[in-house]
Amino acid sequence: MGMKKLIHIEMEKMNIKKYVRYALWANVVIALLVFMMTGLTQLAGEEMPTIATTTVIDSLVKSTFLVWEAVLIAGLIIEEYRSKTILLLFSYPVDRKKVIISKLAVITGFVFLSMTVSQIFQNGLFFFIHQLFPVVEYSLSIADVAGITLTTITSIFLGLLPMYVGMLNKSTIATVVSSILIVALTVSSGGQDGSGLITLIPVSIVLGILGAGCAGWALKIMLSEDIVL
């Protein structure tokens, strides 16, 4: 069975339309939070000169979808190992590594697409709002776009780290909780300008490598572990 077929199977199991609806609702919530944290605060007479709207957008989008990545990992990988339902796929004449990689391809592909579309939507929305209501500060440079693009990619690799935690404990809860802790430490760490460690390019690259390395170690555990009923 080829990778294309395996990816198609995983997408059907995931029910992608349901998650697209969730992503749309998540964007509505993110937009409301960004507006409350920027526009309404300034309308109330409180200046926020050090916190850019783009930084708030970036932090909220990354926080939302990094936790979401862990939820997908917990549901599509860890839970199947815990309940042993993954035995069904392993019973097919297909390489076990391909099965796991197809799952990761669906998860990371969906999260990357969700993050990218959300960043474009949120920034476009607040650029438009800024034109109508200048009280909502907004500016975006080429350097900002490059930084957001790079840290989006590295954050997705970092988001694979909870898979290692989940495999060690065979626990979906540990997978999601570890993701929340990662978000708190790296994305929502509350720097002076409202940004987190993940926005620092060198740190972001190191964190991405760390996440990829942990994912590779988790994959090694999956491939070497005997699953018996």
Protein backbone atom coordinates (compact mmCIF):
# COMPACT_ATOMS: atom_id res chain seq x y z
CA MET A 1 0.00 0.00 0.00
CA GLY A 2 1.46 3.35 -1.07
CA MET A 3 1.83 6.51 1.02
CA LYS A 4 -0.87 8.30 -0.99
CA LYS A 5 -3.42 5.60 -0.13
CA LEU A 6 -2.41 5.59 3.55
CA ILE A 7 -2.70 9.38 3.76
CA HIS A 8 -6.15 9.18 2.15
CA ILE A 9 -7.23 6.59 4.75
CA GLU A 10 -5.98 8.77 7.60
CA MET A 11 -7.80 11.83 6.22
CA GLU A 12 -11.03 9.85 6.09
CA LYS A 13 -10.55 8.65 9.68
CA MET A 14 -9.79 12.20 10.79
CA ASN A 15 -13.01 13.60 9.26
CA ILE A 16 -11.24 16.65 7.86
CA LYS A 17 -14.46 18.65 7.31
CA LYS A 18 -15.18 18.60 11.03
CA TYR A 19 -11.75 20.04 11.82
CA VAL A 20 -12.12 22.70 9.13
CA ARG A 21 -15.27 23.88 10.92
CA TYR A 22 -13.38 23.90 14.22
CA ALA A 23 -10.60 25.95 12.61
CA LEU A 24 -13.14 28.51 11.38
CA TRP A 25 -14.61 28.87 14.87
CA ALA A 26 -11.12 29.11 16.34
CA ASN A 27 -10.41 32.03 14.02
CA VAL A 28 -13.56 33.81 15.16
CA VAL A 29 -12.41 33.48 18.78
CA ILE A 30 -8.85 34.57 17.91
CA ALA A 31 -10.15 37.68 16.10
CA LEU A 32 -12.29 38.65 19.10
CA LEU A 33 -9.37 38.17 21.49
CA VAL A 34 -7.01 40.20 19.31
CA PHE A 35 -9.55 43.02 19.10
CA MET A 36 -10.08 43.01 22.87
CA MET A 37 -6.33 42.96 23.55
CA THR A 38 -5.56 45.82 21.14
CA GLY A 39 -8.45 47.95 19.95
CA LEU A 40 -10.66 47.97 23.03
CA THR A 41 -7.69 48.59 25.33
CA GLN A 42 -6.67 51.63 23.32
CA LEU A 43 -10.25 52.90 23.13
CA ALA A 44 -10.31 52.74 26.92
CA GLY A 45 -7.37 55.14 26.96
CA GLU A 46 -4.62 52.65 27.80
CA GLU A 47 -1.60 52.87 25.54
CA MET A 48 0.05 49.65 24.36
CA PRO A 49 3.02 50.97 22.39
CA THR A 50 5.23 47.92 22.85
CA ILE A 51 2.72 45.22 21.84
CA ALA A 52 2.04 44.97 18.11
CA THR A 53 -1.22 43.56 16.78
CA THR A 54 0.79 41.18 14.57
CA THR A 55 2.56 39.82 17.67
CA VAL A 56 -0.76 39.17 19.41
CA ILE A 57 -2.10 37.45 16.29
CA ASP A 58 1.02 35.32 15.94
CA SER A 59 0.98 34.24 19.59
CA LEU A 60 -2.70 33.31 19.59
CA VAL A 61 -2.54 31.41 16.29
CA LYS A 62 0.53 29.42 17.36
CA SER A 63 -0.89 28.72 20.83
CA THR A 64 -4.20 27.49 19.41
CA PHE A 65 -2.84 25.20 16.74
CA LEU A 66 0.13 23.82 18.70
CA VAL A 67 -2.33 22.50 21.29
CA TRP A 68 -4.51 21.30 18.42
CA GLU A 69 -1.52 19.44 16.95
CA ALA A 70 -1.12 17.60 20.25
CA VAL A 71 -4.85 16.75 20.29
CA LEU A 72 -4.53 15.23 16.81
CA ILE A 73 -1.40 13.30 17.80
CA ALA A 74 -3.20 12.04 20.89
CA GLY A 75 -6.24 10.92 18.89
CA LEU A 76 -4.64 9.53 15.74
CA ILE A 77 -1.48 7.99 17.21
CA ILE A 78 -1.27 7.70 21.01
CA GLU A 79 -4.87 6.55 21.55
CA GLU A 80 -4.52 3.92 18.82
CA TYR A 81 -1.41 2.57 20.55
CA ARG A 82 -3.09 2.68 23.96
CA SER A 83 -6.23 0.89 22.77
CA LYS A 84 -4.26 -1.31 20.33
CA THR A 85 -6.61 -0.45 17.44
CA ILE A 86 -3.49 0.35 15.41
CA LEU A 87 -3.12 -3.44 15.10
CA LEU A 88 -5.71 -3.25 12.31
CA LEU A 89 -3.41 -1.13 10.15
CA PHE A 90 -0.36 -3.19 11.11
CA SER A 91 -2.21 -6.32 9.95
CA TYR A 92 -2.12 -5.00 6.38
CA PRO A 93 0.90 -5.87 4.20
CA VAL A 94 2.40 -2.42 4.66
CA ASP A 95 5.52 -1.09 6.35
CA ARG A 96 4.79 0.05 9.93
CA LYS A 97 6.95 3.14 9.38
CA LYS A 98 4.76 4.20 6.45
CA VAL A 99 1.67 3.94 8.63
CA ILE A 100 3.09 6.27 11.29
CA ILE A 101 4.60 8.70 8.78
CA SER A 102 1.27 8.94 6.93
CA LYS A 103 -0.41 9.91 10.20
CA LEU A 104 2.24 12.55 10.91
CA ALA A 105 1.96 13.86 7.35
CA VAL A 106 -1.79 14.40 7.76
CA ILE A 107 -1.39 16.03 11.19
CA THR A 108 1.49 18.37 10.32
CA GLY A 109 0.01 19.19 6.91
CA PHE A 110 -3.33 20.15 8.42
CA VAL A 111 -1.74 22.19 11.22
CA PHE A 112 0.59 24.01 8.82
CA LEU A 113 -2.29 24.84 6.48
CA SER A 114 -4.46 25.95 9.42
CA MET A 115 -1.73 28.18 10.83
CA THR A 116 -0.91 29.70 7.43
CA VAL A 117 -4.52 30.41 6.46
CA SER A 118 -5.24 31.77 9.96
CA GLN A 119 -2.23 34.12 9.83
CA ILE A 120 -3.30 35.41 6.40
CA PHE A 121 -6.92 35.80 7.48
CA GLN A 122 -6.19 37.51 10.81
CA ASN A 123 -3.59 39.88 9.40
CA GLY A 124 -5.82 40.73 6.43
CA LEU A 125 -8.76 41.32 8.75
CA PHE A 126 -6.88 43.67 11.08
CA PHE A 127 -5.23 45.50 8.19
CA PHE A 128 -8.74 46.20 6.90
CA ILE A 129 -9.99 47.18 10.38
CA HIS A 130 -7.02 49.53 10.75
CA GLN A 131 -8.01 51.30 7.54
CA LEU A 132 -11.52 51.88 8.87
CA PHE A 133 -10.65 52.46 12.53
CA PRO A 134 -7.09 53.78 12.94
CA VAL A 135 -7.41 53.36 16.71
CA VAL A 136 -6.50 49.69 16.07
CA GLU A 137 -2.75 49.87 15.44
CA TYR A 138 -1.45 47.62 12.67
CA SER A 139 1.77 47.36 10.68
CA LEU A 140 3.51 44.45 8.98
CA SER A 141 6.94 44.48 7.35
CA ILE A 142 8.66 41.99 5.03
CA ALA A 143 10.92 41.04 7.95
CA ASP A 144 7.81 40.30 10.05
CA VAL A 145 6.41 38.05 7.32
CA ALA A 146 9.71 36.16 6.99
CA GLY A 147 9.98 35.72 10.75
CA ILE A 148 6.40 34.52 11.13
CA THR A 149 6.83 32.06 8.24
CA LEU A 150 10.02 30.56 9.66
CA THR A 151 8.73 30.31 13.23
CA THR A 152 5.49 28.75 11.98
CA ILE A 153 7.49 25.91 10.41
CA THR A 154 9.74 25.43 13.45
CA SER A 155 6.78 25.58 15.83
CA ILE A 156 5.11 22.71 13.98
CA PHE A 157 8.24 20.60 14.50
CA LEU A 158 8.26 21.67 18.15
CA GLY A 159 4.63 20.55 18.32
CA LEU A 160 5.76 16.98 17.65
CA LEU A 161 7.56 16.83 21.01
CA PRO A 162 4.40 15.81 22.94
CA MET A 163 4.29 12.63 20.85
CA TYR A 164 7.41 11.44 22.69
CA VAL A 165 5.82 12.24 26.06
CA GLY A 166 2.63 10.47 25.02
CA MET A 167 4.46 7.36 23.86
CA LEU A 168 6.44 7.11 27.09
CA ASN A 169 3.22 7.12 29.13
CA LYS A 170 0.78 5.74 26.54
CA SER A 171 -1.37 8.66 27.66
CA THR A 172 -3.44 11.07 25.59
CA ILE A 173 -3.76 13.39 28.60
CA ALA A 174 0.02 13.60 29.03
CA THR A 175 0.33 14.41 25.32
CA VAL A 176 -2.05 17.38 25.49
CA VAL A 177 -0.82 18.65 28.88
CA SER A 178 2.80 18.63 27.68
CA SER A 179 1.72 20.69 24.67
CA ILE A 180 0.05 23.27 26.91
CA LEU A 181 3.24 23.53 28.96
CA ILE A 182 5.30 23.97 25.78
CA VAL A 183 2.98 26.76 24.63
CA ALA A 184 3.21 28.46 28.02
CA LEU A 185 7.01 28.32 28.01
CA THR A 186 7.77 29.15 24.40
CA VAL A 187 4.83 30.96 22.79
CA SER A 188 3.00 32.74 25.60
CA SER A 189 6.00 33.43 27.80
CA GLY A 190 5.15 37.13 27.87
CA GLY A 191 8.20 39.07 26.77
CA GLN A 192 8.26 42.85 27.13
CA ASP A 193 6.88 43.23 23.63
CA GLY A 194 4.26 40.52 24.16
CA SER A 195 6.20 37.88 22.24
CA GLY A 196 7.54 34.51 23.36
CA LEU A 197 10.77 32.59 22.93
CA ILE A 198 9.48 31.04 19.70
CA THR A 199 9.71 34.44 17.95
CA LEU A 200 13.49 34.55 18.45
CA ILE A 201 14.81 32.95 15.24
CA PRO A 202 17.87 31.14 16.72
CA VAL A 203 15.82 29.86 19.67
CA SER A 204 12.98 28.88 17.33
CA ILE A 205 15.34 26.81 15.16
CA VAL A 206 16.77 25.03 18.20
CA LEU A 207 13.27 24.30 19.51
CA GLY A 208 12.23 22.98 16.09
CA ILE A 209 15.25 20.66 15.99
CA LEU A 210 14.46 19.50 19.54
CA GLY A 211 10.88 18.72 18.57
CA ALA A 212 11.93 16.85 15.42
CA GLY A 213 14.52 14.89 17.40
CA CYS A 214 11.96 13.85 20.01
CA ALA A 215 9.54 12.85 17.25
CA GLY A 216 12.26 10.71 15.69
CA TRP A 217 12.90 9.04 19.03
CA ALA A 218 9.17 8.41 19.49
CA LEU A 219 9.04 6.88 16.01
CA LYS A 220 11.93 4.60 16.97
CA ILE A 221 9.96 3.45 20.04
CA MET A 222 6.91 2.74 17.87
CA LEU A 223 8.88 0.73 15.34
CA SER A 224 10.74 -1.35 17.90
CA GLU A 225 7.87 -2.00 20.28
CA ASP A 226 5.93 -5.23 20.00
CA ILE A 227 2.19 -4.67 20.21
CA VAL A 228 0.29 -7.61 21.56
CA LEU A 229 -3.30 -8.05 22.62
